[in-house]
Each structure stands twice: as C-alpha cells, then as structure tokens.
Amino acid sequence: MIKLSRTQYEEVGDGTTSVIVLAGEMLHVGEAFIDKKYHPTVIIC
C-alpha cells in the first residue's frame, strides 16, 4: 500500500488517502471470497 501511495503522489500529487481507502476496501471484499475457498486468480478476474 505504501508503494501505491507513493506512485499516486508521484503521478498526480494528491489522493494518497483515497488510494489507501480503496485498497483497504478491495481487501475487505476479497476476504469474503477467500473464506468461500475461491482461488485468488478467480477473484482477480
């Protein structure tokens, strides 16, 4: 997540908080699929 924030800041100059919030939400949603035994490559698609 640190790399995501740095890249966002370098490219746009702002929005690092938004990147962290979005990444956290994606991880939260993905966790439900992991609990249901979905393979990670299925979740990514």
N, C-alpha and C. Protein backbone atom coordinates (compact mmCIF):
# COMPACT_ATOMS: atom_id res chain seq x y z
N MET A 1 0.83 -1.18 0.00
CA MET A 1 0.00 0.00 0.00
C MET A 1 0.88 1.25 0.00
N ILE A 2 2.02 1.15 0.61
CA ILE A 2 2.93 2.30 0.61
C ILE A 2 3.37 2.62 -0.81
N LYS A 3 3.67 1.57 -1.57
CA LYS A 3 4.08 1.78 -2.96
C LYS A 3 2.94 2.41 -3.78
N LEU A 4 1.72 1.97 -3.53
CA LEU A 4 0.58 2.55 -4.22
C LEU A 4 0.46 4.05 -3.91
N SER A 5 0.61 4.39 -2.65
CA SER A 5 0.50 5.79 -2.24
C SER A 5 1.61 6.63 -2.86
N ARG A 6 2.82 6.10 -2.85
CA ARG A 6 3.94 6.85 -3.44
C ARG A 6 3.73 7.07 -4.94
N THR A 7 3.30 6.03 -5.63
CA THR A 7 3.06 6.15 -7.06
C THR A 7 1.96 7.17 -7.33
N GLN A 8 0.89 7.13 -6.57
CA GLN A 8 -0.21 8.09 -6.73
C GLN A 8 0.30 9.51 -6.52
N TYR A 9 1.09 9.69 -5.50
CA TYR A 9 1.62 11.03 -5.20
C TYR A 9 2.56 11.51 -6.29
N GLU A 10 3.41 10.62 -6.79
CA GLU A 10 4.36 10.99 -7.83
C GLU A 10 3.66 11.32 -9.15
N GLU A 11 2.60 10.57 -9.47
CA GLU A 11 1.91 10.77 -10.74
C GLU A 11 0.94 11.95 -10.71
N VAL A 12 0.22 12.10 -9.61
CA VAL A 12 -0.85 13.09 -9.54
C VAL A 12 -0.55 14.21 -8.55
N GLY A 13 0.17 13.88 -7.50
CA GLY A 13 0.48 14.88 -6.49
C GLY A 13 -0.50 14.92 -5.33
N ASP A 14 -1.51 14.05 -5.37
CA ASP A 14 -2.51 14.04 -4.31
C ASP A 14 -3.27 12.72 -4.39
N GLY A 15 -4.14 12.48 -3.44
CA GLY A 15 -5.01 11.32 -3.49
C GLY A 15 -4.49 10.09 -2.78
N THR A 16 -3.44 10.25 -1.97
CA THR A 16 -2.88 9.08 -1.31
C THR A 16 -3.86 8.46 -0.32
N THR A 17 -4.65 9.26 0.35
CA THR A 17 -5.65 8.72 1.28
C THR A 17 -6.68 7.91 0.52
N SER A 18 -7.10 8.40 -0.63
CA SER A 18 -8.08 7.68 -1.45
C SER A 18 -7.54 6.33 -1.88
N VAL A 19 -6.27 6.27 -2.21
CA VAL A 19 -5.65 5.01 -2.62
C VAL A 19 -5.69 4.01 -1.47
N ILE A 20 -5.38 4.45 -0.28
CA ILE A 20 -5.38 3.55 0.89
C ILE A 20 -6.80 3.07 1.20
N VAL A 21 -7.76 3.97 1.15
CA VAL A 21 -9.16 3.59 1.42
C VAL A 21 -9.65 2.59 0.38
N LEU A 22 -9.37 2.85 -0.88
CA LEU A 22 -9.80 1.95 -1.95
C LEU A 22 -9.14 0.58 -1.83
N ALA A 23 -7.84 0.55 -1.59
CA ALA A 23 -7.14 -0.73 -1.44
C ALA A 23 -7.65 -1.51 -0.24
N GLY A 24 -7.90 -0.81 0.86
CA GLY A 24 -8.44 -1.48 2.05
C GLY A 24 -9.81 -2.09 1.80
N GLU A 25 -10.64 -1.37 1.07
CA GLU A 25 -11.98 -1.89 0.75
C GLU A 25 -11.89 -3.09 -0.18
N MET A 26 -10.97 -3.05 -1.13
CA MET A 26 -10.79 -4.18 -2.03
C MET A 26 -10.34 -5.42 -1.26
N LEU A 27 -9.45 -5.24 -0.31
CA LEU A 27 -9.01 -6.36 0.53
C LEU A 27 -10.15 -6.89 1.38
N HIS A 28 -10.96 -6.00 1.90
CA HIS A 28 -12.09 -6.40 2.73
C HIS A 28 -13.09 -7.24 1.92
N VAL A 29 -13.42 -6.79 0.73
CA VAL A 29 -14.37 -7.51 -0.12
C VAL A 29 -13.76 -8.85 -0.55
N GLY A 30 -12.49 -8.85 -0.90
CA GLY A 30 -11.83 -10.07 -1.34
C GLY A 30 -11.76 -11.14 -0.26
N GLU A 31 -11.72 -10.71 0.97
CA GLU A 31 -11.65 -11.66 2.09
C GLU A 31 -12.85 -12.61 2.11
N ALA A 32 -14.02 -12.11 1.77
CA ALA A 32 -15.22 -12.96 1.74
C ALA A 32 -15.07 -14.07 0.71
N PHE A 33 -14.45 -13.78 -0.42
CA PHE A 33 -14.23 -14.79 -1.44
C PHE A 33 -13.20 -15.82 -0.99
N ILE A 34 -12.17 -15.37 -0.30
CA ILE A 34 -11.17 -16.30 0.23
C ILE A 34 -11.82 -17.23 1.25
N ASP A 35 -12.70 -16.70 2.09
CA ASP A 35 -13.40 -17.53 3.07
C ASP A 35 -14.27 -18.59 2.40
N LYS A 36 -14.76 -18.28 1.18
CA LYS A 36 -15.59 -19.24 0.43
C LYS A 36 -14.73 -20.18 -0.42
N LYS A 37 -13.41 -20.12 -0.21
CA LYS A 37 -12.45 -21.00 -0.88
C LYS A 37 -12.29 -20.74 -2.38
N TYR A 38 -12.57 -19.51 -2.83
CA TYR A 38 -12.29 -19.14 -4.21
C TYR A 38 -10.78 -19.01 -4.39
N HIS A 39 -10.28 -19.42 -5.53
CA HIS A 39 -8.87 -19.30 -5.81
C HIS A 39 -8.56 -17.82 -6.10
N PRO A 40 -7.43 -17.30 -5.63
CA PRO A 40 -7.10 -15.89 -5.85
C PRO A 40 -7.13 -15.43 -7.31
N THR A 41 -6.78 -16.33 -8.24
CA THR A 41 -6.82 -15.90 -9.65
C THR A 41 -8.26 -15.70 -10.13
N VAL A 42 -9.21 -16.37 -9.54
CA VAL A 42 -10.62 -16.17 -9.87
C VAL A 42 -11.08 -14.82 -9.32
N ILE A 43 -10.64 -14.48 -8.15
CA ILE A 43 -11.02 -13.20 -7.53
C ILE A 43 -10.48 -12.03 -8.35
N ILE A 44 -9.27 -12.15 -8.85
CA ILE A 44 -8.66 -11.07 -9.62
C ILE A 44 -9.41 -10.81 -10.91
N CYS A 45 -9.88 -11.85 -11.56
CA CYS A 45 -10.59 -11.69 -12.83
C CYS A 45 -11.92 -11.06 -12.56
